[in-house]
């Protein structure tokens, strides 16, 4: 496992990420103490469906709140969500 200081990691970020993507493991240290370990993502459990990259932002409320949005948000945050 390759070991890099935080400074070296930031300096060579693209090259280090290419190594990790190829399967290498990298230990990142700060003041000679380990702070993170990088490894390639396990894509076996990642599903990329047909809608990947096509997210849509939808309005939080379906109907107009007539100025009651803070009250509605407060109800939604309460235990059990009694405003639903």
PDB file of N, CA and C in Angstrom:
ATOM      1  N   UNK A   1       0.852  -1.164   0.000  1.00  0.00           N
ATOM      2  CA  UNK A   1       0.000   0.000   0.000  1.00  0.00           C
ATOM      3  C   UNK A   1       0.904   1.235   0.000  1.00  0.00           C
ATOM      4  N   UNK A   2       0.593   2.136  -0.910  1.00  0.00           N
ATOM      5  CA  UNK A   2       1.365   3.370  -1.007  1.00  0.00           C
ATOM      6  C   UNK A   2       0.935   4.332   0.092  1.00  0.00           C
ATOM      7  N   UNK A   3       1.887   5.061   0.637  1.00  0.00           N
ATOM      8  CA  UNK A   3       1.605   6.013   1.709  1.00  0.00           C
ATOM      9  C   UNK A   3       2.032   7.407   1.249  1.00  0.00           C
ATOM     10  N   UNK A   4       1.129   8.380   1.378  1.00  0.00           N
ATOM     11  CA  UNK A   4       1.400   9.748   0.960  1.00  0.00           C
ATOM     12  C   UNK A   4       1.011  10.728   2.046  1.00  0.00           C
ATOM     13  N   UNK A   5       1.771  11.801   2.149  1.00  0.00           N
ATOM     14  CA  UNK A   5       1.370  12.878   3.056  1.00  0.00           C
ATOM     15  C   UNK A   5       0.226  13.645   2.394  1.00  0.00           C
ATOM     16  N   UNK A   6      -0.501  14.397   3.175  1.00  0.00           N
ATOM     17  CA  UNK A   6      -1.609  15.191   2.666  1.00  0.00           C
ATOM     18  C   UNK A   6      -1.102  16.156   1.589  1.00  0.00           C
ATOM     19  N   UNK A   7       0.067  16.735   1.829  1.00  0.00           N
ATOM     20  CA  UNK A   7       0.657  17.683   0.879  1.00  0.00           C
ATOM     21  C   UNK A   7       0.929  16.998  -0.462  1.00  0.00           C
ATOM     22  N   UNK A   8       1.548  15.818  -0.427  1.00  0.00           N
ATOM     23  CA  UNK A   8       1.853  15.091  -1.660  1.00  0.00           C
ATOM     24  C   UNK A   8       0.577  14.650  -2.367  1.00  0.00           C
ATOM     25  N   UNK A   9      -0.426  14.251  -1.576  1.00  0.00           N
ATOM     26  CA  UNK A   9      -1.695  13.837  -2.161  1.00  0.00           C
ATOM     27  C   UNK A   9      -2.327  14.988  -2.936  1.00  0.00           C
ATOM     28  N   UNK A  10      -2.379  16.172  -2.323  1.00  0.00           N
ATOM     29  CA  UNK A  10      -2.964  17.319  -3.005  1.00  0.00           C
ATOM     30  C   UNK A  10      -2.149  17.718  -4.230  1.00  0.00           C
ATOM     31  N   UNK A  11      -0.857  17.598  -4.126  1.00  0.00           N
ATOM     32  CA  UNK A  11       0.037  17.992  -5.218  1.00  0.00           C
ATOM     33  C   UNK A  11      -0.138  17.085  -6.445  1.00  0.00           C
ATOM     34  N   UNK A  12      -0.384  15.798  -6.219  1.00  0.00           N
ATOM     35  CA  UNK A  12      -0.474  14.814  -7.298  1.00  0.00           C
ATOM     36  C   UNK A  12      -1.847  14.157  -7.354  1.00  0.00           C
ATOM     37  N   UNK A  13      -2.879  14.906  -7.097  1.00  0.00           N
ATOM     38  CA  UNK A  13      -4.231  14.351  -6.973  1.00  0.00           C
ATOM     39  C   UNK A  13      -4.651  13.529  -8.190  1.00  0.00           C
ATOM     40  N   UNK A  14      -4.513  14.059  -9.379  1.00  0.00           N
ATOM     41  CA  UNK A  14      -4.964  13.334 -10.577  1.00  0.00           C
ATOM     42  C   UNK A  14      -4.230  12.012 -10.758  1.00  0.00           C
ATOM     43  N   UNK A  15      -2.926  12.025 -10.569  1.00  0.00           N
ATOM     44  CA  UNK A  15      -2.146  10.798 -10.739  1.00  0.00           C
ATOM     45  C   UNK A  15      -2.509   9.765  -9.676  1.00  0.00           C
ATOM     46  N   UNK A  16      -2.700  10.217  -8.446  1.00  0.00           N
ATOM     47  CA  UNK A  16      -3.058   9.297  -7.363  1.00  0.00           C
ATOM     48  C   UNK A  16      -4.434   8.689  -7.630  1.00  0.00           C
ATOM     49  N   UNK A  17      -5.383   9.494  -8.091  1.00  0.00           N
ATOM     50  CA  UNK A  17      -6.718   8.981  -8.365  1.00  0.00           C
ATOM     51  C   UNK A  17      -6.693   7.978  -9.518  1.00  0.00           C
ATOM     52  N   UNK A  18      -5.826   8.184 -10.489  1.00  0.00           N
ATOM     53  CA  UNK A  18      -5.688   7.223 -11.580  1.00  0.00           C
ATOM     54  C   UNK A  18      -5.155   5.893 -11.054  1.00  0.00           C
ATOM     55  N   UNK A  19      -4.200   5.946 -10.137  1.00  0.00           N
ATOM     56  CA  UNK A  19      -3.669   4.725  -9.522  1.00  0.00           C
ATOM     57  C   UNK A  19      -4.755   3.983  -8.756  1.00  0.00           C
ATOM     58  N   UNK A  20      -5.531   4.734  -7.990  1.00  0.00           N
ATOM     59  CA  UNK A  20      -6.602   4.130  -7.187  1.00  0.00           C
ATOM     60  C   UNK A  20      -7.653   3.506  -8.104  1.00  0.00           C
ATOM     61  N   UNK A  21      -7.997   4.196  -9.169  1.00  0.00           N
ATOM     62  CA  UNK A  21      -8.978   3.654 -10.113  1.00  0.00           C
ATOM     63  C   UNK A  21      -8.475   2.359 -10.749  1.00  0.00           C
ATOM     64  N   UNK A  22      -7.168   2.232 -10.886  1.00  0.00           N
ATOM     65  CA  UNK A  22      -6.574   1.024 -11.457  1.00  0.00           C
ATOM     66  C   UNK A  22      -6.482  -0.120 -10.443  1.00  0.00           C
ATOM     67  N   UNK A  23      -6.845   0.140  -9.183  1.00  0.00           N
ATOM     68  CA  UNK A  23      -6.874  -0.925  -8.183  1.00  0.00           C
ATOM     69  C   UNK A  23      -5.903  -0.776  -7.029  1.00  0.00           C
ATOM     70  N   UNK A  24      -5.066   0.253  -7.038  1.00  0.00           N
ATOM     71  CA  UNK A  24      -4.108   0.453  -5.947  1.00  0.00           C
ATOM     72  C   UNK A  24      -4.815   1.004  -4.705  1.00  0.00           C
ATOM     73  N   UNK A  25      -4.204   0.804  -3.574  1.00  0.00           N
ATOM     74  CA  UNK A  25      -4.683   1.393  -2.310  1.00  0.00           C
ATOM     75  C   UNK A  25      -3.665   2.426  -1.859  1.00  0.00           C
ATOM     76  N   UNK A  26      -4.168   3.542  -1.336  1.00  0.00           N
ATOM     77  CA  UNK A  26      -3.283   4.633  -0.922  1.00  0.00           C
ATOM     78  C   UNK A  26      -3.676   5.064   0.480  1.00  0.00           C
ATOM     79  N   UNK A  27      -2.696   5.180   1.352  1.00  0.00           N
ATOM     80  CA  UNK A  27      -2.899   5.658   2.713  1.00  0.00           C
ATOM     81  C   UNK A  27      -2.469   7.115   2.771  1.00  0.00           C
ATOM     82  N   UNK A  28      -3.375   7.997   3.196  1.00  0.00           N
ATOM     83  CA  UNK A  28      -3.090   9.425   3.304  1.00  0.00           C
ATOM     84  C   UNK A  28      -2.764   9.732   4.764  1.00  0.00           C
ATOM     85  N   UNK A  29      -1.658  10.454   4.980  1.00  0.00           N
ATOM     86  CA  UNK A  29      -1.247  10.781   6.348  1.00  0.00           C
ATOM     87  C   UNK A  29      -1.181  12.294   6.548  1.00  0.00           C
ATOM     88  N   UNK A  30      -1.332  12.687   7.786  1.00  0.00           N
ATOM     89  CA  UNK A  30      -1.147  14.081   8.193  1.00  0.00           C
ATOM     90  C   UNK A  30      -0.248  14.044   9.411  1.00  0.00           C
ATOM     91  N   UNK A  31       0.890  14.692   9.316  1.00  0.00           N
ATOM     92  CA  UNK A  31       1.882  14.674  10.387  1.00  0.00           C
ATOM     93  C   UNK A  31       2.260  13.236  10.763  1.00  0.00           C
ATOM     94  N   UNK A  32       2.430  12.411   9.732  1.00  0.00           N
ATOM     95  CA  UNK A  32       2.841  11.005   9.840  1.00  0.00           C
ATOM     96  C   UNK A  32       1.811  10.100  10.515  1.00  0.00           C
ATOM     97  N   UNK A  33       0.588  10.585  10.655  1.00  0.00           N
ATOM     98  CA  UNK A  33      -0.494   9.776  11.223  1.00  0.00           C
ATOM     99  C   UNK A  33      -1.536   9.512  10.146  1.00  0.00           C
ATOM    100  N   UNK A  34      -1.994   8.279  10.011  1.00  0.00           N
ATOM    101  CA  UNK A  34      -2.996   7.958   8.989  1.00  0.00           C
ATOM    102  C   UNK A  34      -4.305   8.698   9.225  1.00  0.00           C
ATOM    103  N   UNK A  35      -4.863   9.283   8.157  1.00  0.00           N
ATOM    104  CA  UNK A  35      -6.159   9.961   8.266  1.00  0.00           C
ATOM    105  C   UNK A  35      -7.188   9.394   7.299  1.00  0.00           C
ATOM    106  N   UNK A  36      -6.732   8.772   6.196  1.00  0.00           N
ATOM    107  CA  UNK A  36      -7.674   8.219   5.224  1.00  0.00           C
ATOM    108  C   UNK A  36      -6.996   7.128   4.407  1.00  0.00           C
ATOM    109  N   UNK A  37      -7.828   6.250   3.881  1.00  0.00           N
ATOM    110  CA  UNK A  37      -7.338   5.208   2.993  1.00  0.00           C
ATOM    111  C   UNK A  37      -8.210   5.234   1.745  1.00  0.00           C
ATOM    112  N   UNK A  38      -7.581   5.311   0.591  1.00  0.00           N
ATOM    113  CA  UNK A  38      -8.311   5.337  -0.668  1.00  0.00           C
ATOM    114  C   UNK A  38      -8.217   3.986  -1.352  1.00  0.00           C
ATOM    115  N   UNK A  39      -9.330   3.539  -1.885  1.00  0.00           N
ATOM    116  CA  UNK A  39      -9.383   2.304  -2.658  1.00  0.00           C
ATOM    117  C   UNK A  39     -10.433   2.497  -3.739  1.00  0.00           C
ATOM    118  N   UNK A  40     -10.340   1.736  -4.803  1.00  0.00           N
ATOM    119  CA  UNK A  40     -11.322   1.874  -5.877  1.00  0.00           C
ATOM    120  C   UNK A  40     -12.696   1.448  -5.382  1.00  0.00           C
ATOM    121  N   UNK A  41     -13.723   2.032  -5.975  1.00  0.00           N
ATOM    122  CA  UNK A  41     -15.093   1.727  -5.587  1.00  0.00           C
ATOM    123  C   UNK A  41     -15.450   0.314  -6.019  1.00  0.00           C
ATOM    124  N   UNK A  42     -16.212  -0.359  -5.191  1.00  0.00           N
ATOM    125  CA  UNK A  42     -16.679  -1.701  -5.510  1.00  0.00           C
ATOM    126  C   UNK A  42     -17.919  -1.556  -6.390  1.00  0.00           C
ATOM    127  N   UNK A  43     -17.741  -1.632  -7.682  1.00  0.00           N
ATOM    128  CA  UNK A  43     -18.835  -1.396  -8.612  1.00  0.00           C
ATOM    129  C   UNK A  43     -19.797  -2.573  -8.732  1.00  0.00           C
ATOM    130  N   UNK A  44     -19.491  -3.653  -8.056  1.00  0.00           N
ATOM    131  CA  UNK A  44     -20.380  -4.812  -8.101  1.00  0.00           C
ATOM    132  C   UNK A  44     -21.761  -4.471  -7.542  1.00  0.00           C
ATOM    133  N   UNK A  45     -21.804  -3.586  -6.543  1.00  0.00           N
ATOM    134  CA  UNK A  45     -23.059  -3.259  -5.882  1.00  0.00           C
ATOM    135  C   UNK A  45     -23.621  -1.910  -6.324  1.00  0.00           C
ATOM    136  N   UNK A  46     -23.051  -1.312  -7.352  1.00  0.00           N
ATOM    137  CA  UNK A  46     -23.541  -0.029  -7.845  1.00  0.00           C
ATOM    138  C   UNK A  46     -24.382  -0.281  -9.083  1.00  0.00           C
ATOM    139  N   UNK A  47     -25.610   0.179  -9.044  1.00  0.00           N
ATOM    140  CA  UNK A  47     -26.512   0.005 -10.184  1.00  0.00           C
ATOM    141  C   UNK A  47     -26.723   1.356 -10.840  1.00  0.00           C
ATOM    142  N   UNK A  48     -26.439   1.424 -12.113  1.00  0.00           N
ATOM    143  CA  UNK A  48     -26.670   2.640 -12.874  1.00  0.00           C
ATOM    144  C   UNK A  48     -27.840   2.344 -13.797  1.00  0.00           C
ATOM    145  N   UNK A  49     -28.982   2.918 -13.454  1.00  0.00           N
ATOM    146  CA  UNK A  49     -30.192   2.658 -14.225  1.00  0.00           C
ATOM    147  C   UNK A  49     -30.338   3.573 -15.425  1.00  0.00           C
ATOM    148  N   UNK A  50     -31.464   3.430 -16.095  1.00  0.00           N
ATOM    149  CA  UNK A  50     -31.741   4.201 -17.309  1.00  0.00           C
ATOM    150  C   UNK A  50     -31.890   5.690 -17.029  1.00  0.00           C
ATOM    151  N   UNK A  51     -32.240   6.058 -15.794  1.00  0.00           N
ATOM    152  CA  UNK A  51     -32.447   7.465 -15.462  1.00  0.00           C
ATOM    153  C   UNK A  51     -31.199   8.138 -14.893  1.00  0.00           C
ATOM    154  N   UNK A  52     -30.059   7.451 -14.930  1.00  0.00           N
ATOM    155  CA  UNK A  52     -28.825   8.009 -14.392  1.00  0.00           C
ATOM    156  C   UNK A  52     -28.506   9.339 -15.073  1.00  0.00           C
ATOM    157  N   UNK A  53     -28.283  10.381 -14.263  1.00  0.00           N
ATOM    158  CA  UNK A  53     -27.929  11.692 -14.791  1.00  0.00           C
ATOM    159  C   UNK A  53     -29.109  12.518 -15.261  1.00  0.00           C
ATOM    160  N   UNK A  54     -30.302  12.046 -15.032  1.00  0.00           N
ATOM    161  CA  UNK A  54     -31.492  12.768 -15.481  1.00  0.00           C
ATOM    162  C   UNK A  54     -32.402  13.145 -14.315  1.00  0.00           C
ATOM    163  N   UNK A  55     -31.811  13.509 -13.218  1.00  0.00           N
ATOM    164  CA  UNK A  55     -32.599  13.862 -12.032  1.00  0.00           C
ATOM    165  C   UNK A  55     -33.401  15.130 -12.276  1.00  0.00           C
ATOM    166  N   UNK A  56     -34.526  15.221 -11.632  1.00  0.00           N
ATOM    167  CA  UNK A  56     -35.364  16.406 -11.740  1.00  0.00           C
ATOM    168  C   UNK A  56     -35.624  16.952 -10.351  1.00  0.00           C
ATOM    169  N   UNK A  57     -35.654  18.251 -10.255  1.00  0.00           N
ATOM    170  CA  UNK A  57     -35.994  18.898  -8.994  1.00  0.00           C
ATOM    171  C   UNK A  57     -37.488  19.165  -9.017  1.00  0.00           C
ATOM    172  N   UNK A  58     -38.146  18.654  -8.009  1.00  0.00           N
ATOM    173  CA  UNK A  58     -39.593  18.829  -7.923  1.00  0.00           C
ATOM    174  C   UNK A  58     -39.927  19.722  -6.742  1.00  0.00           C
ATOM    175  N   UNK A  59     -41.030  20.448  -6.822  1.00  0.00           N
ATOM    176  CA  UNK A  59     -41.412  21.321  -5.709  1.00  0.00           C
ATOM    177  C   UNK A  59     -41.722  20.506  -4.455  1.00  0.00           C
ATOM    178  N   UNK A  60     -41.403  21.078  -3.303  1.00  0.00           N
ATOM    179  CA  UNK A  60     -41.660  20.404  -2.037  1.00  0.00           C
ATOM    180  C   UNK A  60     -43.156  20.282  -1.763  1.00  0.00           C
ATOM    181  N   UNK A  61     -43.897  21.329  -2.099  1.00  0.00           N
ATOM    182  CA  UNK A  61     -45.337  21.351  -1.842  1.00  0.00           C
ATOM    183  C   UNK A  61     -46.089  21.264  -3.159  1.00  0.00           C
ATOM    184  N   UNK A  62     -47.160  20.501  -3.171  1.00  0.00           N
ATOM    185  CA  UNK A  62     -47.952  20.369  -4.394  1.00  0.00           C
ATOM    186  C   UNK A  62     -48.966  21.505  -4.523  1.00  0.00           C
ATOM    187  N   UNK A  63     -49.420  22.008  -3.413  1.00  0.00           N
ATOM    188  CA  UNK A  63     -50.389  23.105  -3.434  1.00  0.00           C
ATOM    189  C   UNK A  63     -49.743  24.344  -2.841  1.00  0.00           C
ATOM    190  N   UNK A  64     -50.290  25.500  -3.172  1.00  0.00           N
ATOM    191  CA  UNK A  64     -49.764  26.745  -2.606  1.00  0.00           C
ATOM    192  C   UNK A  64     -49.981  26.750  -1.100  1.00  0.00           C
ATOM    193  N   UNK A  65     -49.022  27.320  -0.373  1.00  0.00           N
ATOM    194  CA  UNK A  65     -49.084  27.280   1.092  1.00  0.00           C
ATOM    195  C   UNK A  65     -49.756  28.510   1.686  1.00  0.00           C
ATOM    196  N   UNK A  66     -49.982  29.524   0.884  1.00  0.00           N
ATOM    197  CA  UNK A  66     -50.609  30.773   1.353  1.00  0.00           C
ATOM    198  C   UNK A  66     -49.892  31.330   2.585  1.00  0.00           C
ATOM    199  N   UNK A  67     -48.555  31.284   2.560  1.00  0.00           N
ATOM    200  CA  UNK A  67     -47.766  31.852   3.640  1.00  0.00           C
ATOM    201  C   UNK A  67     -47.585  30.930   4.833  1.00  0.00           C
ATOM    202  N   UNK A  68     -48.091  29.733   4.783  1.00  0.00           N
ATOM    203  CA  UNK A  68     -48.016  28.809   5.908  1.00  0.00           C
ATOM    204  C   UNK A  68     -46.844  27.843   5.784  1.00  0.00           C
ATOM    205  N   UNK A  69     -45.893  28.138   4.917  1.00  0.00           N
ATOM    206  CA  UNK A  69     -44.826  27.165   4.666  1.00  0.00           C
ATOM    207  C   UNK A  69     -43.994  26.861   5.897  1.00  0.00           C
ATOM    208  N   UNK A  70     -43.741  27.855   6.765  1.00  0.00           N
ATOM    209  CA  UNK A  70     -42.955  27.576   7.974  1.00  0.00           C
ATOM    210  C   UNK A  70     -43.718  26.646   8.914  1.00  0.00           C
ATOM    211  N   UNK A  71     -44.992  26.841   9.016  1.00  0.00           N
ATOM    212  CA  UNK A  71     -45.821  25.971   9.856  1.00  0.00           C
ATOM    213  C   UNK A  71     -45.831  24.545   9.288  1.00  0.00           C
ATOM    214  N   UNK A  72     -45.923  24.439   7.979  1.00  0.00           N
ATOM    215  CA  UNK A  72     -45.926  23.129   7.337  1.00  0.00           C
ATOM    216  C   UNK A  72     -44.581  22.435   7.543  1.00  0.00           C
ATOM    217  N   UNK A  73     -43.488  23.173   7.390  1.00  0.00           N
ATOM    218  CA  UNK A  73     -42.162  22.600   7.616  1.00  0.00           C
ATOM    219  C   UNK A  73     -41.984  22.160   9.064  1.00  0.00           C
ATOM    220  N   UNK A  74     -42.482  22.968   9.991  1.00  0.00           N
ATOM    221  CA  UNK A  74     -42.382  22.626  11.406  1.00  0.00           C
ATOM    222  C   UNK A  74     -43.159  21.341  11.696  1.00  0.00           C
ATOM    223  N   UNK A  75     -44.359  21.206  11.135  1.00  0.00           N
ATOM    224  CA  UNK A  75     -45.146  19.989  11.318  1.00  0.00           C
ATOM    225  C   UNK A  75     -44.417  18.784  10.756  1.00  0.00           C
ATOM    226  N   UNK A  76     -43.782  18.962   9.613  1.00  0.00           N
ATOM    227  CA  UNK A  76     -43.082  17.860   8.968  1.00  0.00           C
ATOM    228  C   UNK A  76     -41.886  17.387   9.784  1.00  0.00           C
ATOM    229  N   UNK A  77     -41.263  18.284  10.523  1.00  0.00           N
ATOM    230  CA  UNK A  77     -40.074  17.936  11.314  1.00  0.00           C
ATOM    231  C   UNK A  77     -40.421  17.279  12.640  1.00  0.00           C
ATOM    232  N   UNK A  78     -41.649  17.424  13.081  1.00  0.00           N
ATOM    233  CA  UNK A  78     -42.039  16.814  14.355  1.00  0.00           C
ATOM    234  C   UNK A  78     -42.044  15.306  14.257  1.00  0.00           C
ATOM    235  N   UNK A  79     -41.885  14.678  15.381  1.00  0.00           N
ATOM    236  CA  UNK A  79     -41.905  13.197  15.446  1.00  0.00           C
ATOM    237  C   UNK A  79     -43.226  12.678  14.903  1.00  0.00           C
ATOM    238  N   UNK A  80     -43.128  11.766  13.960  1.00  0.00           N
ATOM    239  CA  UNK A  80     -44.345  11.177  13.403  1.00  0.00           C
ATOM    240  C   UNK A  80     -44.897  11.943  12.227  1.00  0.00           C
ATOM    241  N   UNK A  81     -44.431  13.174  11.977  1.00  0.00           N
ATOM    242  CA  UNK A  81     -44.887  13.950  10.828  1.00  0.00           C
ATOM    243  C   UNK A  81     -46.378  14.126  10.785  1.00  0.00           C
ATOM    244  N   UNK A  82     -46.967  14.725  11.847  1.00  0.00           N
ATOM    245  CA  UNK A  82     -48.410  14.839  11.946  1.00  0.00           C
ATOM    246  C   UNK A  82     -49.006  15.740  10.873  1.00  0.00           C
ATOM    247  N   UNK A  83     -48.203  16.495  10.157  1.00  0.00           N
ATOM    248  CA  UNK A  83     -48.735  17.381   9.128  1.00  0.00           C
ATOM    249  C   UNK A  83     -48.925  16.692   7.807  1.00  0.00           C
ATOM    250  N   UNK A  84     -48.756  15.390   7.717  1.00  0.00           N
ATOM    251  CA  UNK A  84     -48.860  14.667   6.440  1.00  0.00           C
ATOM    252  C   UNK A  84     -50.231  14.182   6.174  1.00  0.00           C
TER     253      UNK A  84
END
